[in-house]
Amino acid sequence: MSRNLSPLLIIDQANPEHFVSTYSESFADFNIWERKHIQEWIRKEPRILGEELFIVTIEFDRFKESSDRLDVLALDKKGNLVVVELKRDEFAGYADLQALRYAAMVSSMTLENLIHYVVDYRRKYYQEYDYNSDRALEELKEFVEKDDFSELSNRPRIILCSENFSSELTTTVLWLNKCSLDITCVRIRPHRVGDKIVVVPSVIIPVPEAKQY
């Protein structure tokens, strides 16, 4: 069982001086899986990644000459594609390289293609069978707050999400960001609170203070 040194405090609202401390465990301890659970949380509540995102699709596999599947494809408020790569723990390996490969492969995606994927996603996962291209474009424009939104940037962003990150990966990400890539690392950790699991997210790269200034 892996534990973090910083506890989560559960405060008694009626008696704020009383609290229970609980330490983070691992997703393996709770039998939580990457695709079955974590991916579902993110597609239904993408703000766990620290920002508003428009989910385009999940398990994206429309790559030429590749059978790989991109975990989550999204759009940010600035109209940039966002490649979200999920790992249950830090030992999965090569998340950075995998995400870079996906970002390169979707960098030429057109808005027309993206709209098609949004429609397919909404029909498959939300059974919105009357959802069409016009409605998708309208929602995308509303999300990015641009009535003239007509094309995507060819520089997708990357968000890596995991229970933890190795020093090798964070060093690589920091260097890539210095080279003008846009990669965010979001750590999500599970805590046991009674018979519930509380997942606490935190953006560790870029450092929040650095991002503000």
Protein backbone atom coordinates (compact mmCIF):
# COMPACT_ATOMS: atom_id res chain seq x y z
CA MET A 1 0.00 0.00 0.00
CA SER A 2 1.52 3.33 -1.07
CA ARG A 3 0.99 6.33 1.15
CA ASN A 4 1.70 10.02 0.76
CA LEU A 5 3.15 11.93 3.70
CA SER A 6 0.56 14.73 3.47
CA PRO A 7 -2.81 13.68 4.94
CA LEU A 8 -6.24 14.83 3.85
CA LEU A 9 -8.12 16.27 6.83
CA ILE A 10 -11.84 15.56 7.17
CA ILE A 11 -13.22 18.35 9.36
CA ASP A 12 -16.30 18.02 11.54
CA GLN A 13 -18.43 21.00 10.46
CA ALA A 14 -20.24 21.18 13.80
CA ASN A 15 -16.96 21.01 15.73
CA PRO A 16 -14.20 22.31 13.44
CA GLU A 17 -11.50 21.50 15.97
CA HIS A 18 -12.30 17.82 15.47
CA PHE A 19 -10.97 16.08 12.39
CA VAL A 20 -9.98 12.74 10.95
CA SER A 21 -6.84 12.43 8.84
CA THR A 22 -6.63 10.03 5.92
CA TYR A 23 -3.64 9.31 3.73
CA SER A 24 -3.67 8.68 0.02
CA GLU A 25 -3.53 5.09 -1.11
CA SER A 26 -3.11 3.67 -4.58
CA PHE A 27 -5.73 2.98 -7.21
CA ALA A 28 -4.54 -0.62 -7.16
CA ASP A 29 -5.56 -0.82 -3.49
CA PHE A 30 -9.12 0.04 -4.51
CA ASN A 31 -9.12 -2.10 -7.67
CA ILE A 32 -9.56 1.07 -9.73
CA TRP A 33 -8.62 0.77 -13.40
CA GLU A 34 -7.48 3.25 -16.01
CA ARG A 35 -10.12 2.81 -18.70
CA LYS A 36 -12.99 1.32 -16.74
CA HIS A 37 -12.96 3.97 -14.00
CA ILE A 38 -10.54 6.91 -14.39
CA GLN A 39 -11.43 7.52 -18.02
CA GLU A 40 -15.12 7.51 -17.15
CA TRP A 41 -14.63 10.06 -14.38
CA ILE A 42 -12.78 12.39 -16.72
CA ARG A 43 -15.18 12.17 -19.63
CA LYS A 44 -18.09 12.92 -17.29
CA GLU A 45 -16.30 15.56 -15.18
CA PRO A 46 -13.29 16.88 -17.16
CA ARG A 47 -12.76 19.72 -14.70
CA ILE A 48 -10.92 17.18 -12.54
CA LEU A 49 -8.02 18.04 -14.87
CA GLY A 50 -7.97 21.61 -13.60
CA GLU A 51 -9.79 23.42 -16.40
CA GLU A 52 -12.91 23.44 -18.54
CA LEU A 53 -12.68 21.04 -21.45
CA PHE A 54 -15.09 20.04 -24.20
CA ILE A 55 -14.88 16.27 -24.61
CA VAL A 56 -14.60 15.35 -28.29
CA THR A 57 -14.35 11.60 -27.87
CA ILE A 58 -12.67 8.79 -25.94
CA GLU A 59 -10.74 5.75 -27.12
CA PHE A 60 -9.91 7.63 -30.32
CA ASP A 61 -8.47 5.22 -32.89
CA ARG A 62 -8.86 6.99 -36.22
CA PHE A 63 -5.14 6.93 -36.94
CA LYS A 64 -3.72 5.86 -40.27
CA GLU A 65 -1.37 2.89 -40.04
CA SER A 66 -1.75 2.65 -36.27
CA SER A 67 -3.97 0.61 -33.98
CA ASP A 68 -3.27 2.81 -30.94
CA ARG A 69 -6.10 4.38 -28.95
CA LEU A 70 -5.93 7.88 -27.53
CA ASP A 71 -7.58 7.88 -24.09
CA VAL A 72 -9.41 11.22 -24.25
CA LEU A 73 -9.50 13.88 -26.97
CA ALA A 74 -10.81 17.27 -25.93
CA LEU A 75 -10.90 20.96 -26.83
CA ASP A 76 -9.87 23.76 -24.48
CA LYS A 77 -11.45 27.21 -24.10
CA LYS A 78 -8.98 28.68 -26.59
CA GLY A 79 -9.96 26.21 -29.27
CA ASN A 80 -6.87 24.02 -28.98
CA LEU A 81 -7.04 20.27 -29.26
CA VAL A 82 -6.05 18.56 -26.02
CA VAL A 83 -4.63 15.05 -25.93
CA VAL A 84 -5.28 13.46 -22.52
CA GLU A 85 -3.15 10.45 -21.66
CA LEU A 86 -4.13 8.46 -18.56
CA LYS A 87 -1.98 6.17 -16.47
CA ARG A 88 -3.11 4.42 -13.30
CA ASP A 89 0.32 4.75 -11.71
CA GLU A 90 3.82 6.02 -12.43
CA PHE A 91 5.08 2.60 -13.49
CA ALA A 92 3.13 2.38 -16.75
CA GLY A 93 6.02 4.04 -18.58
CA TYR A 94 6.46 6.14 -21.70
CA ALA A 95 3.32 8.24 -21.17
CA ASP A 96 5.19 11.30 -22.42
CA LEU A 97 6.33 9.65 -25.65
CA GLN A 98 2.92 8.10 -26.24
CA ALA A 99 1.16 11.45 -25.78
CA LEU A 100 3.62 13.20 -28.11
CA ARG A 101 2.93 10.61 -30.78
CA TYR A 102 -0.83 11.10 -30.42
CA ALA A 103 -0.48 14.90 -30.50
CA ALA A 104 1.51 14.66 -33.72
CA MET A 105 -1.08 12.40 -35.30
CA VAL A 106 -4.05 14.67 -34.48
CA SER A 107 -2.23 17.92 -35.28
CA SER A 108 -3.60 17.96 -38.83
CA MET A 109 -7.21 17.36 -37.75
CA THR A 110 -9.73 19.73 -39.31
CA LEU A 111 -12.74 21.25 -37.59
CA GLU A 112 -14.94 19.25 -39.95
CA ASN A 113 -13.33 16.01 -38.77
CA LEU A 114 -13.63 17.05 -35.14
CA ILE A 115 -17.33 17.79 -35.50
CA HIS A 116 -17.85 14.33 -36.98
CA TYR A 117 -16.14 12.73 -33.97
CA VAL A 118 -18.20 14.82 -31.53
CA VAL A 119 -21.43 13.68 -33.19
CA ASP A 120 -20.38 10.02 -33.08
CA TYR A 121 -19.38 10.34 -29.42
CA ARG A 122 -22.61 11.97 -28.31
CA ARG A 123 -24.73 9.43 -30.14
CA LYS A 124 -22.76 6.47 -28.78
CA TYR A 125 -22.29 7.50 -25.15
CA TYR A 126 -25.33 9.71 -24.54
CA GLN A 127 -27.80 8.14 -26.98
CA GLU A 128 -28.48 11.59 -28.45
CA TYR A 129 -29.46 10.13 -31.81
CA ASP A 130 -30.79 13.44 -33.15
CA TYR A 131 -27.50 15.19 -32.35
CA ASN A 132 -26.06 16.53 -35.62
CA SER A 133 -23.17 18.53 -37.08
CA ASP A 134 -24.97 21.87 -36.85
CA ARG A 135 -25.63 21.40 -33.16
CA ALA A 136 -22.05 20.27 -32.53
CA LEU A 137 -20.64 23.36 -34.26
CA GLU A 138 -23.00 25.61 -32.32
CA GLU A 139 -21.91 24.07 -29.00
CA LEU A 140 -18.24 24.30 -29.93
CA LYS A 141 -18.57 27.99 -30.82
CA GLU A 142 -20.40 28.63 -27.57
CA PHE A 143 -17.73 26.77 -25.61
CA VAL A 144 -14.77 28.68 -27.08
CA GLU A 145 -16.84 31.90 -27.18
CA LYS A 146 -15.97 32.56 -30.82
CA ASP A 147 -18.71 32.97 -33.39
CA ASP A 148 -16.11 32.81 -36.15
CA PHE A 149 -14.49 29.61 -34.88
CA SER A 150 -13.57 27.80 -38.10
CA GLU A 151 -10.21 26.05 -37.71
CA LEU A 152 -8.06 24.23 -35.20
CA SER A 153 -4.52 25.01 -34.17
CA ASN A 154 -1.90 22.57 -35.45
CA ARG A 155 -0.22 22.57 -32.01
CA PRO A 156 -2.32 20.35 -29.72
CA ARG A 157 -1.81 20.57 -25.98
CA ILE A 158 -1.11 17.52 -23.84
CA ILE A 159 -2.44 16.63 -20.39
CA LEU A 160 -0.89 13.68 -18.58
CA CYS A 161 -2.97 12.35 -15.70
CA SER A 162 -1.74 9.78 -13.22
CA GLU A 163 -1.62 8.79 -9.57
CA ASN A 164 2.01 9.86 -9.59
CA PHE A 165 4.84 10.77 -11.96
CA SER A 166 8.42 9.57 -12.05
CA SER A 167 11.23 12.10 -11.84
CA GLU A 168 12.29 11.04 -15.35
CA LEU A 169 8.89 11.96 -16.75
CA THR A 170 8.59 15.30 -14.94
CA THR A 171 12.12 16.25 -16.02
CA THR A 172 11.20 15.44 -19.62
CA VAL A 173 7.97 17.43 -19.44
CA LEU A 174 9.68 20.48 -17.95
CA TRP A 175 12.26 20.40 -20.74
CA LEU A 176 9.62 19.97 -23.46
CA ASN A 177 7.68 22.92 -22.04
CA LYS A 178 10.84 25.03 -22.29
CA CYS A 179 10.91 24.00 -25.96
CA SER A 180 7.48 25.66 -26.41
CA LEU A 181 5.29 22.59 -26.07
CA ASP A 182 2.29 22.82 -23.77
CA ILE A 183 2.16 19.83 -21.43
CA THR A 184 0.30 19.69 -18.13
CA CYS A 185 0.71 17.00 -15.48
CA VAL A 186 -2.27 16.35 -13.21
CA ARG A 187 -1.84 14.07 -10.23
CA ILE A 188 -4.96 12.35 -8.91
CA ARG A 189 -4.79 10.47 -5.62
CA PRO A 190 -7.46 8.34 -3.93
CA HIS A 191 -8.23 8.58 -0.22
CA ARG A 192 -10.40 6.23 1.82
CA VAL A 193 -13.11 8.10 3.76
CA GLY A 194 -15.38 5.62 5.49
CA ASP A 195 -16.87 3.46 2.77
CA LYS A 196 -16.20 6.11 0.12
CA ILE A 197 -13.23 6.93 -2.09
CA VAL A 198 -12.30 10.61 -2.34
CA VAL A 199 -10.13 11.49 -5.34
CA VAL A 200 -8.01 14.61 -4.90
CA PRO A 201 -6.59 16.17 -8.10
CA SER A 202 -3.69 18.60 -8.26
CA VAL A 203 -1.88 20.22 -11.17
CA ILE A 204 1.84 19.74 -10.54
CA ILE A 205 3.16 21.00 -13.91
CA PRO A 206 3.09 23.84 -14.57
CA VAL A 207 3.51 24.85 -10.94
CA PRO A 208 0.35 26.89 -10.14
CA GLU A 209 2.33 29.86 -8.83
CA ALA A 210 4.48 29.94 -11.95
CA LYS A 211 1.41 29.75 -14.17
CA GLN A 212 -0.14 32.81 -12.50
CA TYR A 213 2.91 34.97 -13.05
